[in-house]
Each structure stands twice: as structure tokens, then as C-alpha cells.
Amino acid sequence: MCHNIVYHRVIAVVMVMILGAVSAATVTYAAGGANGEALHKAHCQDCHASRFKDASSIYTRPERQVKSVDQLRARVEFCSQQVNAQWFDDEVNAVTTWLNHQFYKF
């Protein structure tokens, strides 16, 4: 009986930890996602539209080159330098988060 109570308490603690982590991830996306979308529209969309009919097709094409979230962040940082966006790390992270949530799903 005593082992059963301990087991249920451990399960309850683990569930609370998991729910907390999911909630934190959702809040992080909500905070960065909107800003990432706005930054993308202001600095990235025109360049991508000049190369593709649909600016977002660069992210959905079968031969896309980005294969991980680290590569995605590196690409966002590279592209921001190419358009002289002068982003801080939190802005690069916001765009990376938004792109990952919208298109990549890493």
C-alpha cells in the first residue's frame, strides 16, 4: 500500500513537471512568435519573393537545405546580415522560432 502511494506521488510530480515545460514552451513561442513574424515580414519577405513566386515556398520546397534548428538559426543570422537588418540575438531567435513553428517543425 505504501509503495502504491509513493508511486502515485512520483507520477503526479512528473506530470506537473511535463505540463510546466509545455506551458513554458507555449509562452516562449507566443512571446517570440509574433515578433518573429513581424521581423520576417519587414526584412525577409521581399527578398524571398524576388527569388520565388511565393515567398514562403523557400521553406516548403522539397530540396530545402535547412535540416535542423541549429542550421535554421544560422541561416536566419546569415540572411539578416545580407539585408543589413542589424538584429540582436533575441530577434534572430524570434524569427527562428517563428519559422520553425510555421514551416520546419524541428
Protein backbone atom coordinates (compact mmCIF):
# COMPACT_ATOMS: atom_id res chain seq x y z
CA MET A 1 0.00 0.00 0.00
CA CYS A 2 2.80 2.42 0.95
CA HIS A 3 4.64 1.75 -2.33
CA ASN A 4 1.47 2.45 -4.25
CA ILE A 5 1.09 5.91 -2.64
CA VAL A 6 4.73 6.77 -3.36
CA TYR A 7 4.33 5.62 -6.95
CA HIS A 8 1.26 7.82 -7.47
CA ARG A 9 3.01 10.83 -5.94
CA VAL A 10 6.00 10.35 -8.23
CA ILE A 11 3.69 10.13 -11.24
CA ALA A 12 1.87 13.30 -10.12
CA VAL A 13 5.16 15.21 -9.74
CA VAL A 14 6.37 14.07 -13.17
CA MET A 15 3.06 15.13 -14.77
CA VAL A 16 3.28 18.58 -13.18
CA MET A 17 6.85 18.96 -14.49
CA ILE A 18 5.80 17.96 -18.01
CA LEU A 19 2.83 20.30 -18.03
CA GLY A 20 5.03 23.12 -16.77
CA ALA A 21 7.56 22.54 -19.55
CA VAL A 22 4.83 22.51 -22.22
CA SER A 23 3.31 25.70 -20.81
CA ALA A 24 6.71 27.42 -20.78
CA ALA A 25 7.33 26.44 -24.39
CA THR A 26 3.93 27.80 -25.40
CA VAL A 27 4.55 31.10 -23.62
CA THR A 28 8.01 31.37 -25.20
CA TYR A 29 6.55 30.86 -28.68
CA ALA A 30 3.68 33.27 -28.04
CA ALA A 31 6.11 35.99 -26.96
CA GLY A 32 8.66 35.44 -29.73
CA GLY A 33 6.38 34.19 -32.48
CA ALA A 34 4.51 37.41 -33.15
CA ASN A 35 7.70 39.45 -33.11
CA GLY A 36 9.41 36.88 -35.35
CA GLU A 37 6.60 37.09 -37.87
CA ALA A 38 6.75 40.90 -37.93
CA LEU A 39 10.54 40.89 -38.36
CA HIS A 40 10.26 38.32 -41.14
CA LYS A 41 7.68 40.40 -42.99
CA ALA A 42 9.75 43.57 -42.62
CA HIS A 43 13.15 42.17 -43.59
CA CYS A 44 12.90 38.78 -45.32
CA GLN A 45 9.73 38.55 -47.34
CA ASP A 46 10.67 40.94 -50.18
CA CYS A 47 14.00 39.22 -50.84
CA HIS A 48 12.39 35.77 -50.86
CA ALA A 49 9.54 36.97 -53.08
CA SER A 50 12.09 38.25 -55.61
CA ARG A 51 13.50 34.73 -55.90
CA PHE A 52 10.32 32.66 -55.61
CA LYS A 53 6.75 33.28 -56.75
CA ASP A 54 5.57 32.59 -53.22
CA ALA A 55 7.95 33.94 -50.57
CA SER A 56 7.17 31.08 -48.20
CA SER A 57 7.96 28.39 -50.78
CA ILE A 58 11.64 28.72 -49.90
CA TYR A 59 10.75 26.97 -46.64
CA THR A 60 8.48 24.30 -48.07
CA ARG A 61 10.35 23.25 -51.21
CA PRO A 62 11.44 19.58 -51.27
CA GLU A 63 15.12 20.40 -51.75
CA ARG A 64 15.35 22.83 -48.83
CA GLN A 65 18.81 22.91 -47.31
CA VAL A 66 17.99 23.51 -43.64
CA LYS A 67 17.79 20.21 -41.76
CA SER A 68 17.92 21.23 -38.07
CA VAL A 69 17.00 24.09 -35.77
CA ASP A 70 20.71 24.98 -35.44
CA GLN A 71 21.02 25.25 -39.22
CA LEU A 72 17.83 27.29 -39.31
CA ARG A 73 19.18 29.76 -36.75
CA ALA A 74 22.47 30.03 -38.65
CA ARG A 75 20.58 30.69 -41.90
CA VAL A 76 18.40 33.36 -40.25
CA GLU A 77 21.51 35.04 -38.86
CA PHE A 78 23.24 34.89 -42.27
CA CYS A 79 20.22 36.29 -44.11
CA SER A 80 19.76 39.08 -41.57
CA GLN A 81 23.34 40.14 -42.25
CA GLN A 82 22.75 40.04 -46.01
CA VAL A 83 19.89 42.52 -45.74
CA ASN A 84 21.71 44.56 -43.07
CA ALA A 85 18.90 44.05 -40.55
CA GLN A 86 21.30 44.52 -37.60
CA TRP A 87 19.29 42.15 -35.41
CA PHE A 88 20.15 41.31 -31.83
CA ASP A 89 20.26 37.66 -30.75
CA ASP A 90 16.71 37.81 -29.37
CA GLU A 91 15.44 38.98 -32.77
CA VAL A 92 17.30 36.20 -34.60
CA ASN A 93 15.82 33.77 -32.07
CA ALA A 94 12.31 35.18 -32.56
CA VAL A 95 12.47 34.75 -36.35
CA THR A 96 13.99 31.29 -35.95
CA THR A 97 11.21 30.31 -33.53
CA TRP A 98 8.51 31.65 -35.83
CA LEU A 99 9.91 29.93 -38.94
CA ASN A 100 10.32 26.65 -37.07
CA HIS A 101 6.76 26.82 -35.75
CA GLN A 102 5.27 27.81 -39.12
CA PHE A 103 7.25 25.67 -41.53
CA TYR A 104 10.02 23.44 -40.26
CA LYS A 105 8.64 21.74 -37.14
CA PHE A 106 12.01 20.55 -35.80
